[in-house]
């Protein structure tokens, strides 16, 4: 009997849910997890048969790499600061 974590579309559905969460709660929290789940789903769809611990290792490694790359590409640049010229509470 096939376990839930061995079904490719479950991982893809999880990736979609995580991607939607990233849109609702931006901040590069869920983008890496979404990419990691999608990669595991694609690997399972291609016929790769692994145990749950190996799937979780692949998920974790790919998620961490994807998160780090996303932060480098889209995140705040080195030396860049957010500054505010005025306080909205001081306006009449």
C-alpha atoms as a PDB file:
ATOM      1  CA  UNK A   1       0.000   0.000   0.000  1.00  0.00           C
ATOM      2  CA  UNK A   2       1.332   3.420  -0.968  1.00  0.00           C
ATOM      3  CA  UNK A   3       1.877   5.859   1.873  1.00  0.00           C
ATOM      4  CA  UNK A   4       0.752   9.465   1.652  1.00  0.00           C
ATOM      5  CA  UNK A   5       4.297  10.879   1.411  1.00  0.00           C
ATOM      6  CA  UNK A   6       5.017   8.635  -1.613  1.00  0.00           C
ATOM      7  CA  UNK A   7       2.291  10.250  -3.745  1.00  0.00           C
ATOM      8  CA  UNK A   8       3.735  12.910  -6.026  1.00  0.00           C
ATOM      9  CA  UNK A   9       0.650  15.118  -6.230  1.00  0.00           C
ATOM     10  CA  UNK A  10       0.517  15.465  -2.434  1.00  0.00           C
ATOM     11  CA  UNK A  11       3.931  17.167  -2.556  1.00  0.00           C
ATOM     12  CA  UNK A  12       2.852  19.355  -5.478  1.00  0.00           C
ATOM     13  CA  UNK A  13      -0.348  20.320  -3.634  1.00  0.00           C
ATOM     14  CA  UNK A  14       1.758  21.165  -0.587  1.00  0.00           C
ATOM     15  CA  UNK A  15       4.014  23.299  -2.768  1.00  0.00           C
ATOM     16  CA  UNK A  16       0.998  25.199  -4.090  1.00  0.00           C
ATOM     17  CA  UNK A  17      -0.347  25.791  -0.578  1.00  0.00           C
ATOM     18  CA  UNK A  18       3.051  27.069   0.555  1.00  0.00           C
ATOM     19  CA  UNK A  19       3.326  29.330  -2.494  1.00  0.00           C
ATOM     20  CA  UNK A  20      -0.107  30.782  -1.754  1.00  0.00           C
ATOM     21  CA  UNK A  21       0.942  31.346   1.867  1.00  0.00           C
ATOM     22  CA  UNK A  22       3.994  33.223   0.574  1.00  0.00           C
ATOM     23  CA  UNK A  23       1.705  35.513  -1.405  1.00  0.00           C
ATOM     24  CA  UNK A  24      -0.496  36.145   1.635  1.00  0.00           C
ATOM     25  CA  UNK A  25       2.366  36.462   4.143  1.00  0.00           C
ATOM     26  CA  UNK A  26       5.336  37.807   2.163  1.00  0.00           C
ATOM     27  CA  UNK A  27       8.795  37.780   3.639  1.00  0.00           C
ATOM     28  CA  UNK A  28      10.560  34.876   1.943  1.00  0.00           C
ATOM     29  CA  UNK A  29       9.441  32.445   4.632  1.00  0.00           C
ATOM     30  CA  UNK A  30       7.520  29.910   2.566  1.00  0.00           C
ATOM     31  CA  UNK A  31       9.127  30.330  -0.871  1.00  0.00           C
ATOM     32  CA  UNK A  32      11.964  27.918  -0.123  1.00  0.00           C
ATOM     33  CA  UNK A  33       9.613  25.341   1.348  1.00  0.00           C
ATOM     34  CA  UNK A  34       7.345  25.610  -1.694  1.00  0.00           C
ATOM     35  CA  UNK A  35      10.261  25.051  -4.060  1.00  0.00           C
ATOM     36  CA  UNK A  36      11.545  22.114  -1.996  1.00  0.00           C
ATOM     37  CA  UNK A  37       8.136  20.441  -1.976  1.00  0.00           C
ATOM     38  CA  UNK A  38       7.806  20.969  -5.725  1.00  0.00           C
ATOM     39  CA  UNK A  39      11.200  19.370  -6.373  1.00  0.00           C
ATOM     40  CA  UNK A  40      10.309  16.333  -4.263  1.00  0.00           C
ATOM     41  CA  UNK A  41       6.956  16.078  -6.058  1.00  0.00           C
ATOM     42  CA  UNK A  42       8.663  16.163  -9.457  1.00  0.00           C
ATOM     43  CA  UNK A  43      11.201  13.539  -8.383  1.00  0.00           C
ATOM     44  CA  UNK A  44       8.387  11.256  -7.234  1.00  0.00           C
ATOM     45  CA  UNK A  45       6.452  11.892 -10.450  1.00  0.00           C
ATOM     46  CA  UNK A  46       9.527  10.859 -12.448  1.00  0.00           C
ATOM     47  CA  UNK A  47       9.491   7.502 -10.677  1.00  0.00           C
ATOM     48  CA  UNK A  48      12.111   7.989  -7.975  1.00  0.00           C
ATOM     49  CA  UNK A  49      11.173   5.774  -5.038  1.00  0.00           C
ATOM     50  CA  UNK A  50      12.689   6.829  -1.721  1.00  0.00           C
ATOM     51  CA  UNK A  51      11.843   6.379   1.940  1.00  0.00           C
ATOM     52  CA  UNK A  52      10.399   9.211   4.005  1.00  0.00           C
ATOM     53  CA  UNK A  53      13.708  10.152   5.678  1.00  0.00           C
ATOM     54  CA  UNK A  54      15.402  10.615   2.282  1.00  0.00           C
ATOM     55  CA  UNK A  55      12.469  12.602   0.942  1.00  0.00           C
ATOM     56  CA  UNK A  56      12.674  14.881   3.971  1.00  0.00           C
ATOM     57  CA  UNK A  57      16.435  15.324   3.534  1.00  0.00           C
ATOM     58  CA  UNK A  58      15.948  16.291  -0.127  1.00  0.00           C
ATOM     59  CA  UNK A  59      13.103  18.612   0.873  1.00  0.00           C
ATOM     60  CA  UNK A  60      15.187  20.279   3.597  1.00  0.00           C
ATOM     61  CA  UNK A  61      18.335  20.732   1.504  1.00  0.00           C
ATOM     62  CA  UNK A  62      16.508  22.057  -1.566  1.00  0.00           C
ATOM     63  CA  UNK A  63      14.349  24.342   0.615  1.00  0.00           C
ATOM     64  CA  UNK A  64      17.381  25.835   2.355  1.00  0.00           C
ATOM     65  CA  UNK A  65      19.206  26.426  -0.925  1.00  0.00           C
ATOM     66  CA  UNK A  66      16.110  27.931  -2.575  1.00  0.00           C
ATOM     67  CA  UNK A  67      15.518  30.225   0.399  1.00  0.00           C
ATOM     68  CA  UNK A  68      19.130  31.430   0.392  1.00  0.00           C
ATOM     69  CA  UNK A  69      19.081  32.060  -3.364  1.00  0.00           C
ATOM     70  CA  UNK A  70      15.760  33.930  -3.155  1.00  0.00           C
ATOM     71  CA  UNK A  71      17.103  36.136  -0.369  1.00  0.00           C
ATOM     72  CA  UNK A  72      20.197  36.950  -2.441  1.00  0.00           C
ATOM     73  CA  UNK A  73      18.238  37.736  -5.593  1.00  0.00           C
ATOM     74  CA  UNK A  74      15.237  39.606  -4.214  1.00  0.00           C
ATOM     75  CA  UNK A  75      16.178  40.408  -0.630  1.00  0.00           C
ATOM     76  CA  UNK A  76      17.686  43.546   0.802  1.00  0.00           C
ATOM     77  CA  UNK A  77      21.086  44.313  -0.692  1.00  0.00           C
ATOM     78  CA  UNK A  78      24.276  44.794   1.331  1.00  0.00           C
ATOM     79  CA  UNK A  79      24.678  48.369   2.497  1.00  0.00           C
ATOM     80  CA  UNK A  80      21.064  49.136   1.729  1.00  0.00           C
ATOM     81  CA  UNK A  81      18.986  50.599   4.531  1.00  0.00           C
ATOM     82  CA  UNK A  82      15.378  51.492   4.892  1.00  0.00           C
ATOM     83  CA  UNK A  83      15.022  55.129   5.882  1.00  0.00           C
ATOM     84  CA  UNK A  84      12.004  57.236   6.620  1.00  0.00           C
ATOM     85  CA  UNK A  85      11.921  60.973   6.021  1.00  0.00           C
ATOM     86  CA  UNK A  86       8.803  61.722   7.992  1.00  0.00           C
ATOM     87  CA  UNK A  87       6.627  60.292  10.702  1.00  0.00           C
ATOM     88  CA  UNK A  88       2.971  59.896   9.751  1.00  0.00           C
ATOM     89  CA  UNK A  89       1.986  60.533  13.351  1.00  0.00           C
ATOM     90  CA  UNK A  90       3.399  64.061  13.250  1.00  0.00           C
ATOM     91  CA  UNK A  91       1.313  65.242  10.301  1.00  0.00           C
ATOM     92  CA  UNK A  92      -1.575  67.592  11.170  1.00  0.00           C
END
